[in-house]
């Protein structure tokens, strides 16, 4: 049987209605899923983020996350605390002890995952 003949033959009204509905559903599914697939880039952690205190709900700092030499790095670029301008990291250990919190790298050597 030649399949091209099926498209030439007139279809019953119910079948035409079904085909139109099916076509509309398929077209709608594609039209609405395409932007979601394009948003994959927006799932990246790269950018500036505001940290929020879990107890008070107030903003604590702005952290910038970026890529450097193929790794993900994050540093505090601004501390949001009007009572303590330019605070030092008193709880840090090693070479970060008593260094200014602004500019401090808090995420380093993180590998980028390609599955997001």
PDB file of N, CA and C in Angstrom:
ATOM      1  N   UNK A   1       0.847  -1.179   0.000  1.00  0.00           N
ATOM      2  CA  UNK A   1       0.000   0.000   0.000  1.00  0.00           C
ATOM      3  C   UNK A   1       0.892   1.242   0.000  1.00  0.00           C
ATOM      4  N   UNK A   2       0.582   2.173  -0.835  1.00  0.00           N
ATOM      5  CA  UNK A   2       1.337   3.415  -0.933  1.00  0.00           C
ATOM      6  C   UNK A   2       0.826   4.389   0.126  1.00  0.00           C
ATOM      7  N   UNK A   3       1.717   4.796   1.058  1.00  0.00           N
ATOM      8  CA  UNK A   3       1.309   5.662   2.164  1.00  0.00           C
ATOM      9  C   UNK A   3       0.958   7.074   1.706  1.00  0.00           C
ATOM     10  N   UNK A   4       1.518   7.511   0.611  1.00  0.00           N
ATOM     11  CA  UNK A   4       1.216   8.856   0.148  1.00  0.00           C
ATOM     12  C   UNK A   4      -0.255   8.995  -0.240  1.00  0.00           C
ATOM     13  N   UNK A   5      -0.875   7.882  -0.616  1.00  0.00           N
ATOM     14  CA  UNK A   5      -2.291   7.925  -0.971  1.00  0.00           C
ATOM     15  C   UNK A   5      -3.156   8.233   0.242  1.00  0.00           C
ATOM     16  N   UNK A   6      -2.702   7.859   1.420  1.00  0.00           N
ATOM     17  CA  UNK A   6      -3.488   8.094   2.628  1.00  0.00           C
ATOM     18  C   UNK A   6      -3.707   9.572   2.885  1.00  0.00           C
ATOM     19  N   UNK A   7      -2.765  10.372   2.483  1.00  0.00           N
ATOM     20  CA  UNK A   7      -2.871  11.800   2.729  1.00  0.00           C
ATOM     21  C   UNK A   7      -3.720  12.511   1.677  1.00  0.00           C
ATOM     22  N   UNK A   8      -3.914  11.856   0.566  1.00  0.00           N
ATOM     23  CA  UNK A   8      -4.730  12.442  -0.488  1.00  0.00           C
ATOM     24  C   UNK A   8      -6.200  12.134  -0.262  1.00  0.00           C
ATOM     25  N   UNK A   9      -6.480  10.946   0.262  1.00  0.00           N
ATOM     26  CA  UNK A   9      -7.862  10.546   0.483  1.00  0.00           C
ATOM     27  C   UNK A   9      -8.522  11.448   1.508  1.00  0.00           C
ATOM     28  N   UNK A  10      -9.744  11.788   1.315  1.00  0.00           N
ATOM     29  CA  UNK A  10     -10.445  12.611   2.304  1.00  0.00           C
ATOM     30  C   UNK A  10     -10.654  11.815   3.596  1.00  0.00           C
ATOM     31  N   UNK A  11     -10.392  12.460   4.706  1.00  0.00           N
ATOM     32  CA  UNK A  11     -10.544  11.811   6.007  1.00  0.00           C
ATOM     33  C   UNK A  11     -11.931  12.086   6.553  1.00  0.00           C
ATOM     34  N   UNK A  12     -12.468  11.128   7.309  1.00  0.00           N
ATOM     35  CA  UNK A  12     -13.753  11.393   7.965  1.00  0.00           C
ATOM     36  C   UNK A  12     -13.617  12.572   8.920  1.00  0.00           C
ATOM     37  N   UNK A  13     -14.702  13.238   9.196  1.00  0.00           N
ATOM     38  CA  UNK A  13     -14.708  14.438  10.026  1.00  0.00           C
ATOM     39  C   UNK A  13     -14.065  14.192  11.394  1.00  0.00           C
ATOM     40  N   UNK A  14     -14.386  13.094  12.043  1.00  0.00           N
ATOM     41  CA  UNK A  14     -13.824  12.795  13.370  1.00  0.00           C
ATOM     42  C   UNK A  14     -12.312  12.608  13.287  1.00  0.00           C
ATOM     43  N   UNK A  15     -11.839  11.958  12.235  1.00  0.00           N
ATOM     44  CA  UNK A  15     -10.396  11.720  12.078  1.00  0.00           C
ATOM     45  C   UNK A  15      -9.670  13.041  11.811  1.00  0.00           C
ATOM     46  N   UNK A  16     -10.262  13.913  10.986  1.00  0.00           N
ATOM     47  CA  UNK A  16      -9.667  15.223  10.739  1.00  0.00           C
ATOM     48  C   UNK A  16      -9.555  16.009  12.033  1.00  0.00           C
ATOM     49  N   UNK A  17     -10.631  15.977  12.819  1.00  0.00           N
ATOM     50  CA  UNK A  17     -10.648  16.680  14.100  1.00  0.00           C
ATOM     51  C   UNK A  17      -9.547  16.134  15.020  1.00  0.00           C
ATOM     52  N   UNK A  18      -9.426  14.810  15.061  1.00  0.00           N
ATOM     53  CA  UNK A  18      -8.389  14.185  15.892  1.00  0.00           C
ATOM     54  C   UNK A  18      -6.992  14.594  15.422  1.00  0.00           C
ATOM     55  N   UNK A  19      -6.761  14.563  14.119  1.00  0.00           N
ATOM     56  CA  UNK A  19      -5.440  14.934  13.573  1.00  0.00           C
ATOM     57  C   UNK A  19      -5.110  16.394  13.878  1.00  0.00           C
ATOM     58  N   UNK A  20      -6.096  17.263  13.763  1.00  0.00           N
ATOM     59  CA  UNK A  20      -5.868  18.677  14.086  1.00  0.00           C
ATOM     60  C   UNK A  20      -5.524  18.852  15.562  1.00  0.00           C
ATOM     61  N   UNK A  21      -6.252  18.137  16.430  1.00  0.00           N
ATOM     62  CA  UNK A  21      -5.965  18.217  17.864  1.00  0.00           C
ATOM     63  C   UNK A  21      -4.565  17.688  18.171  1.00  0.00           C
ATOM     64  N   UNK A  22      -4.232  16.556  17.582  1.00  0.00           N
ATOM     65  CA  UNK A  22      -2.912  15.966  17.800  1.00  0.00           C
ATOM     66  C   UNK A  22      -1.815  16.913  17.309  1.00  0.00           C
ATOM     67  N   UNK A  23      -2.022  17.499  16.158  1.00  0.00           N
ATOM     68  CA  UNK A  23      -1.044  18.453  15.632  1.00  0.00           C
ATOM     69  C   UNK A  23      -0.888  19.663  16.545  1.00  0.00           C
ATOM     70  N   UNK A  24      -2.007  20.157  17.067  1.00  0.00           N
ATOM     71  CA  UNK A  24      -1.966  21.292  17.980  1.00  0.00           C
ATOM     72  C   UNK A  24      -1.218  20.936  19.263  1.00  0.00           C
ATOM     73  N   UNK A  25      -1.474  19.747  19.810  1.00  0.00           N
ATOM     74  CA  UNK A  25      -0.794  19.315  21.040  1.00  0.00           C
ATOM     75  C   UNK A  25       0.714  19.185  20.800  1.00  0.00           C
ATOM     76  N   UNK A  26       1.089  18.571  19.694  1.00  0.00           N
ATOM     77  CA  UNK A  26       2.514  18.415  19.397  1.00  0.00           C
ATOM     78  C   UNK A  26       3.196  19.764  19.180  1.00  0.00           C
ATOM     79  N   UNK A  27       2.539  20.633  18.448  1.00  0.00           N
ATOM     80  CA  UNK A  27       3.092  21.963  18.196  1.00  0.00           C
ATOM     81  C   UNK A  27       3.210  22.752  19.503  1.00  0.00           C
ATOM     82  N   UNK A  28       2.184  22.688  20.339  1.00  0.00           N
ATOM     83  CA  UNK A  28       2.209  23.398  21.625  1.00  0.00           C
ATOM     84  C   UNK A  28       3.306  22.856  22.525  1.00  0.00           C
ATOM     85  N   UNK A  29       3.450  21.536  22.557  1.00  0.00           N
ATOM     86  CA  UNK A  29       4.485  20.928  23.390  1.00  0.00           C
ATOM     87  C   UNK A  29       5.858  21.410  22.961  1.00  0.00           C
ATOM     88  N   UNK A  30       6.111  21.413  21.675  1.00  0.00           N
ATOM     89  CA  UNK A  30       7.406  21.879  21.183  1.00  0.00           C
ATOM     90  C   UNK A  30       7.603  23.364  21.462  1.00  0.00           C
ATOM     91  N   UNK A  31       6.566  24.151  21.211  1.00  0.00           N
ATOM     92  CA  UNK A  31       6.677  25.604  21.385  1.00  0.00           C
ATOM     93  C   UNK A  31       6.956  25.975  22.839  1.00  0.00           C
ATOM     94  N   UNK A  32       6.338  25.276  23.789  1.00  0.00           N
ATOM     95  CA  UNK A  32       6.523  25.613  25.192  1.00  0.00           C
ATOM     96  C   UNK A  32       7.748  24.958  25.800  1.00  0.00           C
ATOM     97  N   UNK A  33       8.233  23.858  25.230  1.00  0.00           N
ATOM     98  CA  UNK A  33       9.410  23.202  25.801  1.00  0.00           C
ATOM     99  C   UNK A  33      10.706  23.790  25.263  1.00  0.00           C
ATOM    100  N   UNK A  34      10.689  24.384  24.098  1.00  0.00           N
ATOM    101  CA  UNK A  34      11.907  24.956  23.522  1.00  0.00           C
ATOM    102  C   UNK A  34      12.514  26.036  24.417  1.00  0.00           C
ATOM    103  N   UNK A  35      11.730  26.984  24.946  1.00  0.00           N
ATOM    104  CA  UNK A  35      12.325  27.980  25.836  1.00  0.00           C
ATOM    105  C   UNK A  35      12.883  27.368  27.123  1.00  0.00           C
ATOM    106  N   UNK A  36      12.256  26.318  27.615  1.00  0.00           N
ATOM    107  CA  UNK A  36      12.769  25.670  28.824  1.00  0.00           C
ATOM    108  C   UNK A  36      14.120  25.027  28.571  1.00  0.00           C
ATOM    109  N   UNK A  37      14.269  24.433  27.398  1.00  0.00           N
ATOM    110  CA  UNK A  37      15.558  23.840  27.056  1.00  0.00           C
ATOM    111  C   UNK A  37      16.622  24.918  26.884  1.00  0.00           C
ATOM    112  N   UNK A  38      16.232  26.067  26.388  1.00  0.00           N
ATOM    113  CA  UNK A  38      17.176  27.166  26.200  1.00  0.00           C
ATOM    114  C   UNK A  38      17.595  27.779  27.528  1.00  0.00           C
ATOM    115  N   UNK A  39      16.813  27.589  28.586  1.00  0.00           N
ATOM    116  CA  UNK A  39      17.138  28.161  29.883  1.00  0.00           C
ATOM    117  C   UNK A  39      18.219  27.386  30.611  1.00  0.00           C
ATOM    118  N   UNK A  40      18.750  26.344  30.025  1.00  0.00           N
ATOM    119  CA  UNK A  40      19.780  25.541  30.670  1.00  0.00           C
ATOM    120  C   UNK A  40      20.942  26.401  31.145  1.00  0.00           C
ATOM    121  N   UNK A  41      21.290  27.443  30.403  1.00  0.00           N
ATOM    122  CA  UNK A  41      22.367  28.341  30.798  1.00  0.00           C
ATOM    123  C   UNK A  41      22.039  29.073  32.093  1.00  0.00           C
ATOM    124  N   UNK A  42      20.759  29.342  32.331  1.00  0.00           N
ATOM    125  CA  UNK A  42      20.393  30.085  33.531  1.00  0.00           C
ATOM    126  C   UNK A  42      20.557  29.245  34.792  1.00  0.00           C
ATOM    127  N   UNK A  43      20.812  27.962  34.659  1.00  0.00           N
ATOM    128  CA  UNK A  43      21.039  27.106  35.811  1.00  0.00           C
ATOM    129  C   UNK A  43      22.473  27.195  36.310  1.00  0.00           C
ATOM    130  N   UNK A  44      23.285  27.957  35.656  1.00  0.00           N
ATOM    131  CA  UNK A  44      24.681  28.116  36.037  1.00  0.00           C
ATOM    132  C   UNK A  44      24.784  28.923  37.333  1.00  0.00           C
ATOM    133  N   UNK A  45      25.729  28.578  38.205  1.00  0.00           N
ATOM    134  CA  UNK A  45      25.920  29.359  39.433  1.00  0.00           C
ATOM    135  C   UNK A  45      26.679  30.657  39.206  1.00  0.00           C
ATOM    136  N   UNK A  46      27.213  30.853  38.001  1.00  0.00           N
ATOM    137  CA  UNK A  46      28.019  32.026  37.695  1.00  0.00           C
ATOM    138  C   UNK A  46      27.179  33.293  37.867  1.00  0.00           C
ATOM    139  N   UNK A  47      27.731  34.254  38.618  1.00  0.00           N
ATOM    140  CA  UNK A  47      27.021  35.516  38.821  1.00  0.00           C
ATOM    141  C   UNK A  47      27.211  36.028  40.233  1.00  0.00           C
ATOM    142  N   UNK A  48      26.458  37.053  40.570  1.00  0.00           N
ATOM    143  CA  UNK A  48      26.509  37.636  41.908  1.00  0.00           C
ATOM    144  C   UNK A  48      25.297  37.159  42.694  1.00  0.00           C
ATOM    145  N   UNK A  49      25.539  36.735  43.939  1.00  0.00           N
ATOM    146  CA  UNK A  49      24.498  36.167  44.780  1.00  0.00           C
ATOM    147  C   UNK A  49      24.465  36.891  46.121  1.00  0.00           C
ATOM    148  N   UNK A  50      23.275  37.082  46.631  1.00  0.00           N
ATOM    149  CA  UNK A  50      23.106  37.682  47.951  1.00  0.00           C
ATOM    150  C   UNK A  50      22.934  36.542  48.955  1.00  0.00           C
ATOM    151  N   UNK A  51      23.764  36.530  50.010  1.00  0.00           N
ATOM    152  CA  UNK A  51      23.610  35.515  51.046  1.00  0.00           C
ATOM    153  C   UNK A  51      22.657  36.048  52.105  1.00  0.00           C
ATOM    154  N   UNK A  52      21.836  35.149  52.625  1.00  0.00           N
ATOM    155  CA  UNK A  52      20.813  35.512  53.598  1.00  0.00           C
ATOM    156  C   UNK A  52      21.064  34.723  54.887  1.00  0.00           C
ATOM    157  N   UNK A  53      20.989  35.412  56.022  1.00  0.00           N
ATOM    158  CA  UNK A  53      21.144  34.765  57.324  1.00  0.00           C
ATOM    159  C   UNK A  53      19.928  33.866  57.583  1.00  0.00           C
ATOM    160  N   UNK A  54      20.186  32.591  57.912  1.00  0.00           N
ATOM    161  CA  UNK A  54      19.092  31.644  58.136  1.00  0.00           C
ATOM    162  C   UNK A  54      18.231  32.018  59.337  1.00  0.00           C
ATOM    163  N   UNK A  55      18.817  32.620  60.355  1.00  0.00           N
ATOM    164  CA  UNK A  55      18.073  32.943  61.577  1.00  0.00           C
ATOM    165  C   UNK A  55      17.284  34.241  61.473  1.00  0.00           C
ATOM    166  N   UNK A  56      17.895  35.271  60.916  1.00  0.00           N
ATOM    167  CA  UNK A  56      17.245  36.587  60.884  1.00  0.00           C
ATOM    168  C   UNK A  56      16.532  36.878  59.565  1.00  0.00           C
ATOM    169  N   UNK A  57      16.944  36.204  58.503  1.00  0.00           N
ATOM    170  CA  UNK A  57      16.371  36.466  57.189  1.00  0.00           C
ATOM    171  C   UNK A  57      16.936  37.713  56.526  1.00  0.00           C
ATOM    172  N   UNK A  58      17.955  38.326  57.156  1.00  0.00           N
ATOM    173  CA  UNK A  58      18.561  39.547  56.605  1.00  0.00           C
ATOM    174  C   UNK A  58      19.731  39.195  55.697  1.00  0.00           C
ATOM    175  N   UNK A  59      19.966  40.084  54.724  1.00  0.00           N
ATOM    176  CA  UNK A  59      21.098  39.910  53.811  1.00  0.00           C
ATOM    177  C   UNK A  59      22.401  40.063  54.580  1.00  0.00           C
ATOM    178  N   UNK A  60      23.374  39.189  54.283  1.00  0.00           N
ATOM    179  CA  UNK A  60      24.663  39.239  54.979  1.00  0.00           C
ATOM    180  C   UNK A  60      25.801  39.698  54.076  1.00  0.00           C
ATOM    181  N   UNK A  61      25.783  39.247  52.816  1.00  0.00           N
ATOM    182  CA  UNK A  61      26.884  39.600  51.921  1.00  0.00           C
ATOM    183  C   UNK A  61      26.478  39.396  50.468  1.00  0.00           C
ATOM    184  N   UNK A  62      27.351  39.880  49.601  1.00  0.00           N
ATOM    185  CA  UNK A  62      27.235  39.622  48.165  1.00  0.00           C
ATOM    186  C   UNK A  62      28.444  38.771  47.794  1.00  0.00           C
ATOM    187  N   UNK A  63      28.169  37.621  47.177  1.00  0.00           N
ATOM    188  CA  UNK A  63      29.222  36.706  46.759  1.00  0.00           C
ATOM    189  C   UNK A  63      29.220  36.644  45.242  1.00  0.00           C
ATOM    190  N   UNK A  64      30.397  36.749  44.657  1.00  0.00           N
ATOM    191  CA  UNK A  64      30.521  36.623  43.204  1.00  0.00           C
ATOM    192  C   UNK A  64      31.111  35.263  42.894  1.00  0.00           C
ATOM    193  N   UNK A  65      30.426  34.509  42.034  1.00  0.00           N
ATOM    194  CA  UNK A  65      30.904  33.201  41.601  1.00  0.00           C
ATOM    195  C   UNK A  65      31.255  33.317  40.126  1.00  0.00           C
ATOM    196  N   UNK A  66      32.462  32.864  39.794  1.00  0.00           N
ATOM    197  CA  UNK A  66      32.939  33.002  38.423  1.00  0.00           C
ATOM    198  C   UNK A  66      33.844  31.829  38.074  1.00  0.00           C
ATOM    199  N   UNK A  67      34.190  31.726  36.797  1.00  0.00           N
ATOM    200  CA  UNK A  67      35.070  30.657  36.337  1.00  0.00           C
ATOM    201  C   UNK A  67      36.483  31.208  36.170  1.00  0.00           C
ATOM    202  N   UNK A  68      37.449  30.454  36.685  1.00  0.00           N
ATOM    203  CA  UNK A  68      38.847  30.865  36.603  1.00  0.00           C
ATOM    204  C   UNK A  68      39.692  29.619  36.347  1.00  0.00           C
ATOM    205  N   UNK A  69      40.380  29.590  35.218  1.00  0.00           N
ATOM    206  CA  UNK A  69      41.220  28.453  34.830  1.00  0.00           C
ATOM    207  C   UNK A  69      40.445  27.133  34.823  1.00  0.00           C
ATOM    208  N   UNK A  70      39.207  27.160  34.344  1.00  0.00           N
ATOM    209  CA  UNK A  70      38.401  25.963  34.242  1.00  0.00           C
ATOM    210  C   UNK A  70      37.777  25.511  35.552  1.00  0.00           C
ATOM    211  N   UNK A  71      37.937  26.251  36.606  1.00  0.00           N
ATOM    212  CA  UNK A  71      37.361  25.911  37.918  1.00  0.00           C
ATOM    213  C   UNK A  71      36.373  26.991  38.325  1.00  0.00           C
ATOM    214  N   UNK A  72      35.458  26.632  39.213  1.00  0.00           N
ATOM    215  CA  UNK A  72      34.493  27.591  39.750  1.00  0.00           C
ATOM    216  C   UNK A  72      35.070  28.175  41.036  1.00  0.00           C
ATOM    217  N   UNK A  73      35.059  29.497  41.120  1.00  0.00           N
ATOM    218  CA  UNK A  73      35.616  30.219  42.261  1.00  0.00           C
ATOM    219  C   UNK A  73      34.559  31.194  42.762  1.00  0.00           C
ATOM    220  N   UNK A  74      34.536  31.400  44.074  1.00  0.00           N
ATOM    221  CA  UNK A  74      33.605  32.367  44.642  1.00  0.00           C
ATOM    222  C   UNK A  74      34.287  33.200  45.705  1.00  0.00           C
ATOM    223  N   UNK A  75      34.010  34.498  45.696  1.00  0.00           N
ATOM    224  CA  UNK A  75      34.588  35.367  46.721  1.00  0.00           C
ATOM    225  C   UNK A  75      33.543  36.357  47.206  1.00  0.00           C
ATOM    226  N   UNK A  76      33.723  36.781  48.445  1.00  0.00           N
ATOM    227  CA  UNK A  76      32.832  37.766  49.041  1.00  0.00           C
ATOM    228  C   UNK A  76      33.266  39.132  48.522  1.00  0.00           C
ATOM    229  N   UNK A  77      32.366  39.823  47.845  1.00  0.00           N
ATOM    230  CA  UNK A  77      32.745  41.136  47.305  1.00  0.00           C
ATOM    231  C   UNK A  77      32.198  42.276  48.146  1.00  0.00           C
ATOM    232  N   UNK A  78      31.183  41.985  48.988  1.00  0.00           N
ATOM    233  CA  UNK A  78      30.644  43.038  49.850  1.00  0.00           C
ATOM    234  C   UNK A  78      29.985  42.402  51.065  1.00  0.00           C
ATOM    235  N   UNK A  79      30.320  42.939  52.238  1.00  0.00           N
ATOM    236  CA  UNK A  79      29.670  42.535  53.481  1.00  0.00           C
ATOM    237  C   UNK A  79      28.583  43.563  53.783  1.00  0.00           C
ATOM    238  N   UNK A  80      27.382  43.059  54.061  1.00  0.00           N
ATOM    239  CA  UNK A  80      26.259  43.960  54.330  1.00  0.00           C
ATOM    240  C   UNK A  80      26.002  43.957  55.840  1.00  0.00           C
ATOM    241  N   UNK A  81      26.742  44.794  56.552  1.00  0.00           N
ATOM    242  CA  UNK A  81      26.565  44.932  57.997  1.00  0.00           C
ATOM    243  C   UNK A  81      26.986  46.344  58.383  1.00  0.00           C
ATOM    244  N   UNK A  82      26.026  47.228  58.559  1.00  0.00           N
ATOM    245  CA  UNK A  82      26.373  48.623  58.856  1.00  0.00           C
ATOM    246  C   UNK A  82      27.092  48.792  60.199  1.00  0.00           C
ATOM    247  N   UNK A  83      26.955  47.812  61.099  1.00  0.00           N
ATOM    248  CA  UNK A  83      27.611  47.910  62.411  1.00  0.00           C
ATOM    249  C   UNK A  83      29.087  47.559  62.366  1.00  0.00           C
ATOM    250  N   UNK A  84      29.506  46.789  61.371  1.00  0.00           N
ATOM    251  CA  UNK A  84      30.907  46.352  61.268  1.00  0.00           C
ATOM    252  C   UNK A  84      31.463  46.641  59.874  1.00  0.00           C
ATOM    253  N   UNK A  85      31.939  47.847  59.630  1.00  0.00           N
ATOM    254  CA  UNK A  85      32.549  48.111  58.320  1.00  0.00           C
ATOM    255  C   UNK A  85      33.916  47.426  58.233  1.00  0.00           C
ATOM    256  N   UNK A  86      34.204  46.837  57.089  1.00  0.00           N
ATOM    257  CA  UNK A  86      35.479  46.157  56.830  1.00  0.00           C
ATOM    258  C   UNK A  86      35.834  45.120  57.900  1.00  0.00           C
ATOM    259  N   UNK A  87      34.956  44.136  58.150  1.00  0.00           N
ATOM    260  CA  UNK A  87      35.253  43.137  59.180  1.00  0.00           C
ATOM    261  C   UNK A  87      36.382  42.196  58.758  1.00  0.00           C
ATOM    262  N   UNK A  88      37.061  41.630  59.759  1.00  0.00           N
ATOM    263  CA  UNK A  88      38.133  40.667  59.524  1.00  0.00           C
ATOM    264  C   UNK A  88      37.611  39.268  59.817  1.00  0.00           C
ATOM    265  N   UNK A  89      38.215  38.283  59.188  1.00  0.00           N
ATOM    266  CA  UNK A  89      37.796  36.893  59.380  1.00  0.00           C
ATOM    267  C   UNK A  89      38.519  36.326  60.596  1.00  0.00           C
ATOM    268  N   UNK A  90      37.921  36.513  61.750  1.00  0.00           N
ATOM    269  CA  UNK A  90      38.531  36.062  63.001  1.00  0.00           C
ATOM    270  C   UNK A  90      38.427  34.548  63.175  1.00  0.00           C
ATOM    271  N   UNK A  91      37.418  33.907  62.586  1.00  0.00           N
ATOM    272  CA  UNK A  91      37.226  32.464  62.717  1.00  0.00           C
ATOM    273  C   UNK A  91      37.987  31.661  61.671  1.00  0.00           C
ATOM    274  N   UNK A  92      38.593  32.339  60.698  1.00  0.00           N
ATOM    275  CA  UNK A  92      39.347  31.646  59.654  1.00  0.00           C
ATOM    276  C   UNK A  92      40.637  31.076  60.244  1.00  0.00           C
ATOM    277  N   UNK A  93      41.161  30.067  59.557  1.00  0.00           N
ATOM    278  CA  UNK A  93      42.446  29.484  59.963  1.00  0.00           C
ATOM    279  C   UNK A  93      43.453  29.678  58.835  1.00  0.00           C
ATOM    280  N   UNK A  94      44.701  29.443  59.151  1.00  0.00           N
ATOM    281  CA  UNK A  94      45.758  29.523  58.147  1.00  0.00           C
ATOM    282  C   UNK A  94      46.006  30.939  57.671  1.00  0.00           C
ATOM    283  N   UNK A  95      46.307  31.067  56.386  1.00  0.00           N
ATOM    284  CA  UNK A  95      46.651  32.377  55.823  1.00  0.00           C
ATOM    285  C   UNK A  95      45.446  33.316  55.696  1.00  0.00           C
ATOM    286  N   UNK A  96      44.240  32.811  55.925  1.00  0.00           N
ATOM    287  CA  UNK A  96      43.043  33.660  55.850  1.00  0.00           C
ATOM    288  C   UNK A  96      42.683  34.268  57.204  1.00  0.00           C
ATOM    289  N   UNK A  97      43.326  33.834  58.255  1.00  0.00           N
ATOM    290  CA  UNK A  97      43.040  34.329  59.607  1.00  0.00           C
ATOM    291  C   UNK A  97      43.280  35.830  59.683  1.00  0.00           C
ATOM    292  N   UNK A  98      42.285  36.554  60.201  1.00  0.00           N
ATOM    293  CA  UNK A  98      42.331  38.010  60.392  1.00  0.00           C
ATOM    294  C   UNK A  98      42.513  38.810  59.103  1.00  0.00           C
ATOM    295  N   UNK A  99      42.173  38.210  57.981  1.00  0.00           N
ATOM    296  CA  UNK A  99      42.198  38.928  56.698  1.00  0.00           C
ATOM    297  C   UNK A  99      40.826  39.576  56.492  1.00  0.00           C
ATOM    298  N   UNK A 100      40.751  40.641  55.699  1.00  0.00           N
ATOM    299  CA  UNK A 100      39.444  41.260  55.415  1.00  0.00           C
ATOM    300  C   UNK A 100      38.501  40.252  54.761  1.00  0.00           C
ATOM    301  N   UNK A 101      37.258  40.249  55.197  1.00  0.00           N
ATOM    302  CA  UNK A 101      36.274  39.322  54.622  1.00  0.00           C
ATOM    303  C   UNK A 101      35.947  39.712  53.187  1.00  0.00           C
ATOM    304  N   UNK A 102      35.868  41.005  52.907  1.00  0.00           N
ATOM    305  CA  UNK A 102      35.627  41.432  51.527  1.00  0.00           C
ATOM    306  C   UNK A 102      36.845  41.069  50.688  1.00  0.00           C
ATOM    307  N   UNK A 103      36.609  40.330  49.619  1.00  0.00           N
ATOM    308  CA  UNK A 103      37.680  39.867  48.756  1.00  0.00           C
ATOM    309  C   UNK A 103      38.142  38.455  49.085  1.00  0.00           C
ATOM    310  N   UNK A 104      37.631  37.877  50.159  1.00  0.00           N
ATOM    311  CA  UNK A 104      38.031  36.542  50.596  1.00  0.00           C
ATOM    312  C   UNK A 104      37.424  35.478  49.693  1.00  0.00           C
ATOM    313  N   UNK A 105      38.258  34.573  49.179  1.00  0.00           N
ATOM    314  CA  UNK A 105      37.774  33.459  48.368  1.00  0.00           C
ATOM    315  C   UNK A 105      37.201  32.399  49.293  1.00  0.00           C
ATOM    316  N   UNK A 106      35.931  32.087  49.094  1.00  0.00           N
ATOM    317  CA  UNK A 106      35.288  31.084  49.942  1.00  0.00           C
ATOM    318  C   UNK A 106      34.952  29.807  49.166  1.00  0.00           C
ATOM    319  N   UNK A 107      34.988  29.883  47.842  1.00  0.00           N
ATOM    320  CA  UNK A 107      34.806  28.714  46.983  1.00  0.00           C
ATOM    321  C   UNK A 107      36.016  28.665  46.063  1.00  0.00           C
ATOM    322  N   UNK A 108      36.685  27.518  46.030  1.00  0.00           N
ATOM    323  CA  UNK A 108      37.866  27.399  45.171  1.00  0.00           C
ATOM    324  C   UNK A 108      38.042  25.944  44.751  1.00  0.00           C
ATOM    325  N   UNK A 109      38.702  25.750  43.618  1.00  0.00           N
ATOM    326  CA  UNK A 109      38.959  24.412  43.057  1.00  0.00           C
ATOM    327  C   UNK A 109      37.706  23.574  42.841  1.00  0.00           C
ATOM    328  N   UNK A 110      36.569  24.206  42.633  1.00  0.00           N
ATOM    329  CA  UNK A 110      35.340  23.461  42.357  1.00  0.00           C
ATOM    330  C   UNK A 110      35.285  23.180  40.864  1.00  0.00           C
ATOM    331  N   UNK A 111      35.028  21.935  40.530  1.00  0.00           N
ATOM    332  CA  UNK A 111      34.952  21.560  39.119  1.00  0.00           C
ATOM    333  C   UNK A 111      33.558  21.818  38.585  1.00  0.00           C
ATOM    334  N   UNK A 112      33.510  22.271  37.340  1.00  0.00           N
ATOM    335  CA  UNK A 112      32.250  22.548  36.671  1.00  0.00           C
ATOM    336  C   UNK A 112      31.614  21.238  36.242  1.00  0.00           C
ATOM    337  N   UNK A 113      30.340  21.052  36.565  1.00  0.00           N
ATOM    338  CA  UNK A 113      29.588  19.864  36.196  1.00  0.00           C
ATOM    339  C   UNK A 113      28.803  20.175  34.929  1.00  0.00           C
ATOM    340  N   UNK A 114      28.909  19.313  33.935  1.00  0.00           N
ATOM    341  CA  UNK A 114      28.236  19.587  32.661  1.00  0.00           C
ATOM    342  C   UNK A 114      26.813  19.057  32.642  1.00  0.00           C
ATOM    343  N   UNK A 115      26.329  18.505  33.738  1.00  0.00           N
ATOM    344  CA  UNK A 115      24.991  17.924  33.750  1.00  0.00           C
ATOM    345  C   UNK A 115      23.917  18.860  34.244  1.00  0.00           C
ATOM    346  N   UNK A 116      24.200  20.147  34.514  1.00  0.00           N
ATOM    347  CA  UNK A 116      23.148  21.033  34.980  1.00  0.00           C
ATOM    348  C   UNK A 116      22.372  21.608  33.843  1.00  0.00           C
TER     349      UNK A 116
END
